[in-house]
Amino acid sequence: MALNNTYNAYDARPVQQETAVGAAAQLLLLTLLATAVGMGTAGWLTGLAFALASWAVLSRALHRSRLPSFGPANRVTLGRTVLVGGVTALVADSFSEAPPVSLLVGLTAVALLLDGVDGKVARRTGTCSPVGARFDMEVDAFLILVLSVYVATDLGPWVLLIGGMRYVFVAAARAWPWLTAPLPPSTARKTVAALQGVLLLVAGAHLLPRPVNAGVVVLALGLLVWSFGRDVVWLWRTSRTAARPSVTGRTAARKLVAP
């Protein structure tokens, strides 16, 4: 009974207020972008859709996790989410009118720089949580997808492989559950993931000749294929090892059925 009373006493309002502030900040950023660059309908609609979707998904995840407070690290990630929403709106608007590259690069650069901040804040404040880690990962993945869409308009649709690879992996895990097993920590995996945004940003800034930009993106794709491939092989081998009965188990089974 005491456990049920504690569970029912959970107050989600403080956490939900934080997400509402994030949604308001997103609307403010969209308004500023519209004032600065005259963002069109596509940018507005995409930005509003992103704000609504991110608010709804985050609110649901926080309510299910029953976090007692939002936490400083999640605030940093929420700020990154707002910046990613601005980048998403600018990229959507770029299909009708090219946005100022400097503005898009600036928002993206700040979002990428803050990527390493939220994890450090979580560890220093002792506020690490599964929902916070997932929040950070999803924001990273979506930013890479948006950047790959932007760069693909110049270099071709093959660039979308970078942004779509993680989502293909998640979809494949529904068919092959062994892909959902936890992976061991890997500095190489983290480095490759961080390089994706940097290399796509370099290509999207259009500061280098087009062939060089293509080479930069090919490098990013090659590193990502290597990283995903290595993890898939490790997961497959681990699943095979777990499914294979041990020698001791087989010997015991033979003794049980032996006459």
C-alpha atoms as a PDB file:
ATOM      1  CA  MET A   1       0.000   0.000   0.000  1.00  0.00           C
ATOM      2  CA  ALA A   2       2.843   2.380   0.829  1.00  0.00           C
ATOM      3  CA  LEU A   3       4.417   1.721  -2.544  1.00  0.00           C
ATOM      4  CA  ASN A   4       1.129   2.448  -4.304  1.00  0.00           C
ATOM      5  CA  ASN A   5       0.716   5.691  -2.359  1.00  0.00           C
ATOM      6  CA  THR A   6       4.259   6.758  -3.324  1.00  0.00           C
ATOM      7  CA  TYR A   7       3.587   5.883  -6.958  1.00  0.00           C
ATOM      8  CA  ASN A   8       0.277   7.775  -7.016  1.00  0.00           C
ATOM      9  CA  ALA A   9       1.789  10.766  -5.230  1.00  0.00           C
ATOM     10  CA  TYR A  10       4.129  11.461  -8.142  1.00  0.00           C
ATOM     11  CA  ASP A  11       3.663  15.041  -9.350  1.00  0.00           C
ATOM     12  CA  ALA A  12       4.542  15.456 -13.027  1.00  0.00           C
ATOM     13  CA  ARG A  13       3.822  19.166 -13.160  1.00  0.00           C
ATOM     14  CA  PRO A  14       7.364  20.450 -12.472  1.00  0.00           C
ATOM     15  CA  VAL A  15       8.786  18.260 -15.232  1.00  0.00           C
ATOM     16  CA  GLN A  16       5.972  19.088 -17.648  1.00  0.00           C
ATOM     17  CA  GLN A  17       6.531  22.797 -17.041  1.00  0.00           C
ATOM     18  CA  GLU A  18      10.115  22.394 -18.227  1.00  0.00           C
ATOM     19  CA  THR A  19       8.992  20.806 -21.500  1.00  0.00           C
ATOM     20  CA  ALA A  20       6.426  23.583 -21.957  1.00  0.00           C
ATOM     21  CA  VAL A  21       9.212  26.150 -21.577  1.00  0.00           C
ATOM     22  CA  GLY A  22      11.159  24.288 -24.251  1.00  0.00           C
ATOM     23  CA  ALA A  23       8.173  24.407 -26.627  1.00  0.00           C
ATOM     24  CA  ALA A  24       7.794  28.149 -25.967  1.00  0.00           C
ATOM     25  CA  ALA A  25      11.504  28.671 -26.662  1.00  0.00           C
ATOM     26  CA  GLN A  26      11.088  26.780 -29.930  1.00  0.00           C
ATOM     27  CA  LEU A  27       8.249  29.091 -31.001  1.00  0.00           C
ATOM     28  CA  LEU A  28      10.352  32.108 -30.062  1.00  0.00           C
ATOM     29  CA  LEU A  29      13.301  30.869 -32.142  1.00  0.00           C
ATOM     30  CA  LEU A  30      11.035  30.225 -35.131  1.00  0.00           C
ATOM     31  CA  THR A  31       9.652  33.747 -34.820  1.00  0.00           C
ATOM     32  CA  LEU A  32      13.155  35.209 -34.703  1.00  0.00           C
ATOM     33  CA  LEU A  33      14.203  33.183 -37.752  1.00  0.00           C
ATOM     34  CA  ALA A  34      11.102  34.269 -39.649  1.00  0.00           C
ATOM     35  CA  THR A  35      11.870  37.898 -38.806  1.00  0.00           C
ATOM     36  CA  ALA A  36      15.537  37.588 -39.728  1.00  0.00           C
ATOM     37  CA  VAL A  37      15.328  35.632 -42.977  1.00  0.00           C
ATOM     38  CA  GLY A  38      11.658  35.792 -43.950  1.00  0.00           C
ATOM     39  CA  MET A  39      11.071  32.073 -43.414  1.00  0.00           C
ATOM     40  CA  GLY A  40       8.303  30.704 -45.597  1.00  0.00           C
ATOM     41  CA  THR A  41       5.358  28.406 -45.006  1.00  0.00           C
ATOM     42  CA  ALA A  42       7.370  25.195 -45.342  1.00  0.00           C
ATOM     43  CA  GLY A  43       9.804  26.291 -42.663  1.00  0.00           C
ATOM     44  CA  TRP A  44       7.072  27.400 -40.305  1.00  0.00           C
ATOM     45  CA  LEU A  45       5.003  24.243 -40.692  1.00  0.00           C
ATOM     46  CA  THR A  46       8.034  21.985 -40.294  1.00  0.00           C
ATOM     47  CA  GLY A  47       9.284  23.900 -37.273  1.00  0.00           C
ATOM     48  CA  LEU A  48       5.864  23.810 -35.608  1.00  0.00           C
ATOM     49  CA  ALA A  49       5.499  20.095 -36.344  1.00  0.00           C
ATOM     50  CA  PHE A  50       8.934  19.460 -34.817  1.00  0.00           C
ATOM     51  CA  ALA A  51       8.051  21.504 -31.717  1.00  0.00           C
ATOM     52  CA  LEU A  52       4.757  19.671 -31.217  1.00  0.00           C
ATOM     53  CA  ALA A  53       6.228  16.217 -31.832  1.00  0.00           C
ATOM     54  CA  SER A  54       9.268  16.728 -29.608  1.00  0.00           C
ATOM     55  CA  TRP A  55       7.121  18.166 -26.811  1.00  0.00           C
ATOM     56  CA  ALA A  56       4.639  15.282 -26.984  1.00  0.00           C
ATOM     57  CA  VAL A  57       7.270  12.516 -27.156  1.00  0.00           C
ATOM     58  CA  LEU A  58       9.429  14.020 -24.408  1.00  0.00           C
ATOM     59  CA  SER A  59       6.452  14.644 -22.121  1.00  0.00           C
ATOM     60  CA  ARG A  60       5.282  11.065 -22.506  1.00  0.00           C
ATOM     61  CA  ALA A  61       8.771   9.649 -21.891  1.00  0.00           C
ATOM     62  CA  LEU A  62       9.274  11.775 -18.782  1.00  0.00           C
ATOM     63  CA  HIS A  63       5.865  10.854 -17.406  1.00  0.00           C
ATOM     64  CA  ARG A  64       6.532   7.143 -17.905  1.00  0.00           C
ATOM     65  CA  SER A  65       9.995   7.393 -16.313  1.00  0.00           C
ATOM     66  CA  ARG A  66       8.557   9.374 -13.362  1.00  0.00           C
ATOM     67  CA  LEU A  67      11.656  11.511 -12.945  1.00  0.00           C
ATOM     68  CA  PRO A  68      11.427  13.618  -9.765  1.00  0.00           C
ATOM     69  CA  SER A  69      12.957  16.608 -11.576  1.00  0.00           C
ATOM     70  CA  PHE A  70      13.984  17.551 -15.080  1.00  0.00           C
ATOM     71  CA  GLY A  71      17.634  18.048 -14.164  1.00  0.00           C
ATOM     72  CA  PRO A  72      20.364  20.363 -15.479  1.00  0.00           C
ATOM     73  CA  ALA A  73      21.644  17.920 -18.108  1.00  0.00           C
ATOM     74  CA  ASN A  74      18.211  17.521 -19.658  1.00  0.00           C
ATOM     75  CA  ARG A  75      17.912  21.299 -19.766  1.00  0.00           C
ATOM     76  CA  VAL A  76      21.061  21.424 -21.885  1.00  0.00           C
ATOM     77  CA  THR A  77      19.652  18.734 -24.183  1.00  0.00           C
ATOM     78  CA  LEU A  78      16.361  20.623 -24.364  1.00  0.00           C
ATOM     79  CA  GLY A  79      18.277  23.718 -25.473  1.00  0.00           C
ATOM     80  CA  ARG A  80      19.938  21.624 -28.165  1.00  0.00           C
ATOM     81  CA  THR A  81      16.517  20.382 -29.215  1.00  0.00           C
ATOM     82  CA  VAL A  82      15.360  23.959 -29.735  1.00  0.00           C
ATOM     83  CA  LEU A  83      18.398  24.659 -31.916  1.00  0.00           C
ATOM     84  CA  VAL A  84      17.799  21.454 -33.901  1.00  0.00           C
ATOM     85  CA  GLY A  85      14.214  22.601 -34.447  1.00  0.00           C
ATOM     86  CA  GLY A  86      15.526  25.848 -35.895  1.00  0.00           C
ATOM     87  CA  VAL A  87      17.919  23.971 -38.190  1.00  0.00           C
ATOM     88  CA  THR A  88      15.077  21.687 -39.280  1.00  0.00           C
ATOM     89  CA  ALA A  89      12.893  24.664 -40.173  1.00  0.00           C
ATOM     90  CA  LEU A  90      15.693  26.309 -42.183  1.00  0.00           C
ATOM     91  CA  VAL A  91      16.445  23.090 -44.071  1.00  0.00           C
ATOM     92  CA  ALA A  92      12.750  22.629 -44.911  1.00  0.00           C
ATOM     93  CA  ASP A  93      12.593  26.233 -46.109  1.00  0.00           C
ATOM     94  CA  SER A  94      15.710  25.726 -48.243  1.00  0.00           C
ATOM     95  CA  PHE A  95      13.685  23.708 -50.782  1.00  0.00           C
ATOM     96  CA  SER A  96      11.895  26.902 -51.789  1.00  0.00           C
ATOM     97  CA  GLU A  97      14.478  29.540 -50.905  1.00  0.00           C
ATOM     98  CA  ALA A  98      18.049  29.045 -49.758  1.00  0.00           C
ATOM     99  CA  PRO A  99      18.550  30.279 -46.169  1.00  0.00           C
ATOM    100  CA  PRO A 100      21.683  32.183 -45.162  1.00  0.00           C
ATOM    101  CA  VAL A 101      24.322  29.476 -44.872  1.00  0.00           C
ATOM    102  CA  SER A 102      26.033  31.330 -42.033  1.00  0.00           C
ATOM    103  CA  LEU A 103      22.867  31.205 -39.925  1.00  0.00           C
ATOM    104  CA  LEU A 104      22.283  27.511 -40.534  1.00  0.00           C
ATOM    105  CA  VAL A 105      25.935  26.710 -39.848  1.00  0.00           C
ATOM    106  CA  GLY A 106      25.904  28.817 -36.683  1.00  0.00           C
ATOM    107  CA  LEU A 107      22.855  27.096 -35.186  1.00  0.00           C
ATOM    108  CA  THR A 108      24.222  23.679 -36.101  1.00  0.00           C
ATOM    109  CA  ALA A 109      27.672  24.413 -34.712  1.00  0.00           C
ATOM    110  CA  VAL A 110      26.263  25.472 -31.341  1.00  0.00           C
ATOM    111  CA  ALA A 111      24.056  22.362 -31.225  1.00  0.00           C
ATOM    112  CA  LEU A 112      27.079  20.166 -31.956  1.00  0.00           C
ATOM    113  CA  LEU A 113      29.247  21.906 -29.366  1.00  0.00           C
ATOM    114  CA  LEU A 114      26.580  21.403 -26.706  1.00  0.00           C
ATOM    115  CA  ASP A 115      26.466  17.688 -27.533  1.00  0.00           C
ATOM    116  CA  GLY A 116      29.364  17.003 -25.207  1.00  0.00           C
ATOM    117  CA  VAL A 117      28.093  19.275 -22.451  1.00  0.00           C
ATOM    118  CA  ASP A 118      24.923  17.506 -21.320  1.00  0.00           C
ATOM    119  CA  GLY A 119      26.688  14.218 -20.601  1.00  0.00           C
ATOM    120  CA  LYS A 120      29.366  15.945 -18.520  1.00  0.00           C
ATOM    121  CA  VAL A 121      26.724  17.892 -16.610  1.00  0.00           C
ATOM    122  CA  ALA A 122      24.775  14.685 -15.914  1.00  0.00           C
ATOM    123  CA  ARG A 123      27.865  12.919 -14.551  1.00  0.00           C
ATOM    124  CA  ARG A 124      29.016  15.857 -12.413  1.00  0.00           C
ATOM    125  CA  THR A 125      25.574  16.432 -10.907  1.00  0.00           C
ATOM    126  CA  GLY A 126      24.771  12.746 -10.477  1.00  0.00           C
ATOM    127  CA  THR A 127      21.642  13.049 -12.608  1.00  0.00           C
ATOM    128  CA  CYS A 128      22.369  10.395 -15.242  1.00  0.00           C
ATOM    129  CA  SER A 129      19.225   8.517 -16.269  1.00  0.00           C
ATOM    130  CA  PRO A 130      18.139   6.184 -19.082  1.00  0.00           C
ATOM    131  CA  VAL A 131      15.556   8.684 -20.323  1.00  0.00           C
ATOM    132  CA  GLY A 132      18.187  11.442 -20.390  1.00  0.00           C
ATOM    133  CA  ALA A 133      20.609   9.275 -22.367  1.00  0.00           C
ATOM    134  CA  ARG A 134      17.845   8.328 -24.813  1.00  0.00           C
ATOM    135  CA  PHE A 135      16.788  11.977 -25.137  1.00  0.00           C
ATOM    136  CA  ASP A 136      20.354  12.970 -26.006  1.00  0.00           C
ATOM    137  CA  MET A 137      20.728  10.135 -28.517  1.00  0.00           C
ATOM    138  CA  GLU A 138      17.480  10.909 -30.324  1.00  0.00           C
ATOM    139  CA  VAL A 139      18.343  14.599 -30.665  1.00  0.00           C
ATOM    140  CA  ASP A 140      21.746  13.648 -32.115  1.00  0.00           C
ATOM    141  CA  ALA A 141      20.221  11.181 -34.562  1.00  0.00           C
ATOM    142  CA  PHE A 142      17.606  13.636 -35.794  1.00  0.00           C
ATOM    143  CA  LEU A 143      20.167  16.402 -36.312  1.00  0.00           C
ATOM    144  CA  ILE A 144      22.283  14.034 -38.427  1.00  0.00           C
ATOM    145  CA  LEU A 145      19.193  13.132 -40.455  1.00  0.00           C
ATOM    146  CA  VAL A 146      18.349  16.792 -41.078  1.00  0.00           C
ATOM    147  CA  LEU A 147      21.929  17.638 -42.052  1.00  0.00           C
ATOM    148  CA  SER A 148      22.062  14.678 -44.434  1.00  0.00           C
ATOM    149  CA  VAL A 149      18.862  15.940 -46.096  1.00  0.00           C
ATOM    150  CA  TYR A 150      20.421  19.376 -46.518  1.00  0.00           C
ATOM    151  CA  VAL A 151      23.689  18.078 -47.947  1.00  0.00           C
ATOM    152  CA  ALA A 152      21.818  15.610 -50.188  1.00  0.00           C
ATOM    153  CA  THR A 153      20.231  18.508 -52.072  1.00  0.00           C
ATOM    154  CA  ASP A 154      23.701  19.333 -53.379  1.00  0.00           C
ATOM    155  CA  LEU A 155      25.525  15.995 -53.528  1.00  0.00           C
ATOM    156  CA  GLY A 156      22.695  13.575 -54.216  1.00  0.00           C
ATOM    157  CA  PRO A 157      20.321  11.244 -52.360  1.00  0.00           C
ATOM    158  CA  TRP A 158      23.074   8.790 -51.407  1.00  0.00           C
ATOM    159  CA  VAL A 159      23.956  11.141 -48.541  1.00  0.00           C
ATOM    160  CA  LEU A 160      20.649  10.158 -46.898  1.00  0.00           C
ATOM    161  CA  LEU A 161      22.274   6.833 -46.023  1.00  0.00           C
ATOM    162  CA  ILE A 162      24.081   8.644 -43.223  1.00  0.00           C
ATOM    163  CA  GLY A 163      20.969  10.064 -41.634  1.00  0.00           C
ATOM    164  CA  GLY A 164      18.855   6.989 -42.238  1.00  0.00           C
ATOM    165  CA  MET A 165      21.258   4.285 -41.069  1.00  0.00           C
ATOM    166  CA  ARG A 166      20.382   4.525 -37.398  1.00  0.00           C
ATOM    167  CA  TYR A 167      16.647   4.383 -38.137  1.00  0.00           C
ATOM    168  CA  VAL A 168      17.156   1.374 -40.404  1.00  0.00           C
ATOM    169  CA  PHE A 169      19.016  -0.285 -37.536  1.00  0.00           C
ATOM    170  CA  VAL A 170      16.107   0.397 -35.163  1.00  0.00           C
ATOM    171  CA  ALA A 171      13.620  -0.976 -37.689  1.00  0.00           C
ATOM    172  CA  ALA A 172      15.757  -4.079 -38.257  1.00  0.00           C
ATOM    173  CA  ALA A 173      15.801  -4.709 -34.506  1.00  0.00           C
ATOM    174  CA  ARG A 174      12.049  -5.325 -34.646  1.00  0.00           C
ATOM    175  CA  ALA A 175      12.659  -8.248 -36.965  1.00  0.00           C
ATOM    176  CA  TRP A 176      15.859  -9.449 -35.261  1.00  0.00           C
ATOM    177  CA  PRO A 177      15.585  -8.845 -31.503  1.00  0.00           C
ATOM    178  CA  TRP A 178      19.230  -9.785 -30.946  1.00  0.00           C
ATOM    179  CA  LEU A 179      20.093  -6.339 -32.302  1.00  0.00           C
ATOM    180  CA  THR A 180      18.584  -4.787 -29.155  1.00  0.00           C
ATOM    181  CA  ALA A 181      21.176  -6.323 -26.827  1.00  0.00           C
ATOM    182  CA  PRO A 182      23.307  -3.752 -24.975  1.00  0.00           C
ATOM    183  CA  LEU A 183      26.629  -2.915 -26.563  1.00  0.00           C
ATOM    184  CA  PRO A 184      29.870  -2.506 -24.619  1.00  0.00           C
ATOM    185  CA  PRO A 185      31.153   1.070 -24.231  1.00  0.00           C
ATOM    186  CA  SER A 186      33.277   2.141 -27.187  1.00  0.00           C
ATOM    187  CA  THR A 187      35.307   5.304 -27.656  1.00  0.00           C
ATOM    188  CA  ALA A 188      35.503   4.564 -31.387  1.00  0.00           C
ATOM    189  CA  ARG A 189      31.704   4.430 -31.658  1.00  0.00           C
ATOM    190  CA  LYS A 190      31.328   7.748 -29.837  1.00  0.00           C
ATOM    191  CA  THR A 191      34.021   9.357 -31.982  1.00  0.00           C
ATOM    192  CA  VAL A 192      32.441   8.212 -35.242  1.00  0.00           C
ATOM    193  CA  ALA A 193      29.019   9.427 -34.088  1.00  0.00           C
ATOM    194  CA  ALA A 194      30.416  12.845 -33.181  1.00  0.00           C
ATOM    195  CA  LEU A 195      32.272  13.135 -36.501  1.00  0.00           C
ATOM    196  CA  GLN A 196      29.083  12.642 -38.521  1.00  0.00           C
ATOM    197  CA  GLY A 197      27.674  16.015 -37.572  1.00  0.00           C
ATOM    198  CA  VAL A 198      31.017  17.801 -37.970  1.00  0.00           C
ATOM    199  CA  LEU A 199      31.729  16.349 -41.421  1.00  0.00           C
ATOM    200  CA  LEU A 200      28.189  16.994 -42.675  1.00  0.00           C
ATOM    201  CA  LEU A 201      28.430  20.551 -41.385  1.00  0.00           C
ATOM    202  CA  VAL A 202      31.710  21.048 -43.235  1.00  0.00           C
ATOM    203  CA  ALA A 203      30.114  19.821 -46.452  1.00  0.00           C
ATOM    204  CA  GLY A 204      26.958  21.895 -45.897  1.00  0.00           C
ATOM    205  CA  ALA A 205      28.923  25.095 -45.295  1.00  0.00           C
ATOM    206  CA  HIS A 206      30.005  25.095 -48.977  1.00  0.00           C
ATOM    207  CA  LEU A 207      33.417  26.476 -48.081  1.00  0.00           C
ATOM    208  CA  LEU A 208      35.271  23.760 -50.008  1.00  0.00           C
ATOM    209  CA  PRO A 209      35.060  22.713 -53.663  1.00  0.00           C
ATOM    210  CA  ARG A 210      32.210  20.321 -54.420  1.00  0.00           C
ATOM    211  CA  PRO A 211      34.483  17.288 -55.054  1.00  0.00           C
ATOM    212  CA  VAL A 212      36.166  17.860 -51.692  1.00  0.00           C
ATOM    213  CA  ASN A 213      32.769  18.105 -49.977  1.00  0.00           C
ATOM    214  CA  ALA A 214      31.794  14.818 -51.616  1.00  0.00           C
ATOM    215  CA  GLY A 215      34.984  13.235 -50.315  1.00  0.00           C
ATOM    216  CA  VAL A 216      34.261  14.507 -46.804  1.00  0.00           C
ATOM    217  CA  VAL A 217      30.781  12.961 -46.884  1.00  0.00           C
ATOM    218  CA  VAL A 218      32.130   9.690 -48.302  1.00  0.00           C
ATOM    219  CA  LEU A 219      34.539   9.594 -45.355  1.00  0.00           C
ATOM    220  CA  ALA A 220      31.647  10.144 -42.943  1.00  0.00           C
ATOM    221  CA  LEU A 221      29.607   7.387 -44.578  1.00  0.00           C
ATOM    222  CA  GLY A 222      32.539   4.972 -44.606  1.00  0.00           C
ATOM    223  CA  LEU A 223      33.211   5.518 -40.902  1.00  0.00           C
ATOM    224  CA  LEU A 224      29.537   5.045 -40.087  1.00  0.00           C
ATOM    225  CA  VAL A 225      29.270   1.819 -42.091  1.00  0.00           C
ATOM    226  CA  TRP A 226      32.370   0.508 -40.328  1.00  0.00           C
ATOM    227  CA  SER A 227      30.994   1.426 -36.888  1.00  0.00           C
ATOM    228  CA  PHE A 228      27.550  -0.065 -37.473  1.00  0.00           C
ATOM    229  CA  GLY A 229      29.040  -3.119 -39.146  1.00  0.00           C
ATOM    230  CA  ARG A 230      31.368  -3.781 -36.247  1.00  0.00           C
ATOM    231  CA  ASP A 231      28.508  -3.489 -33.746  1.00  0.00           C
ATOM    232  CA  VAL A 232      26.198  -5.736 -35.772  1.00  0.00           C
ATOM    233  CA  VAL A 233      28.884  -8.423 -36.038  1.00  0.00           C
ATOM    234  CA  TRP A 234      29.522  -8.225 -32.280  1.00  0.00           C
ATOM    235  CA  LEU A 235      25.796  -8.494 -31.512  1.00  0.00           C
ATOM    236  CA  TRP A 236      25.375 -11.433 -33.889  1.00  0.00           C
ATOM    237  CA  ARG A 237      28.323 -13.329 -32.414  1.00  0.00           C
ATOM    238  CA  THR A 238      27.106 -12.611 -28.900  1.00  0.00           C
ATOM    239  CA  SER A 239      23.620 -13.859 -29.717  1.00  0.00           C
ATOM    240  CA  ARG A 240      25.042 -17.043 -31.246  1.00  0.00           C
ATOM    241  CA  THR A 241      27.202 -17.660 -28.188  1.00  0.00           C
ATOM    242  CA  ALA A 242      24.256 -17.135 -25.847  1.00  0.00           C
ATOM    243  CA  ALA A 243      22.061 -19.479 -27.888  1.00  0.00           C
ATOM    244  CA  ARG A 244      24.679 -22.247 -28.020  1.00  0.00           C
ATOM    245  CA  PRO A 245      24.363 -24.654 -25.058  1.00  0.00           C
ATOM    246  CA  SER A 246      27.469 -25.049 -22.979  1.00  0.00           C
ATOM    247  CA  VAL A 247      29.556 -28.223 -23.015  1.00  0.00           C
ATOM    248  CA  THR A 248      28.604 -28.882 -19.389  1.00  0.00           C
ATOM    249  CA  GLY A 249      24.932 -28.474 -20.230  1.00  0.00           C
ATOM    250  CA  ARG A 250      25.142 -30.887 -23.153  1.00  0.00           C
ATOM    251  CA  THR A 251      26.973 -33.472 -21.019  1.00  0.00           C
ATOM    252  CA  ALA A 252      24.370 -33.239 -18.292  1.00  0.00           C
ATOM    253  CA  ALA A 253      21.591 -33.593 -20.847  1.00  0.00           C
ATOM    254  CA  ARG A 254      23.179 -36.768 -22.240  1.00  0.00           C
ATOM    255  CA  LYS A 255      23.403 -38.268 -18.746  1.00  0.00           C
ATOM    256  CA  LEU A 256      19.728 -37.565 -18.139  1.00  0.00           C
ATOM    257  CA  VAL A 257      18.604 -39.360 -21.287  1.00  0.00           C
ATOM    258  CA  ALA A 258      21.188 -42.150 -21.105  1.00  0.00           C
ATOM    259  CA  PRO A 259      19.738 -45.609 -20.207  1.00  0.00           C
END
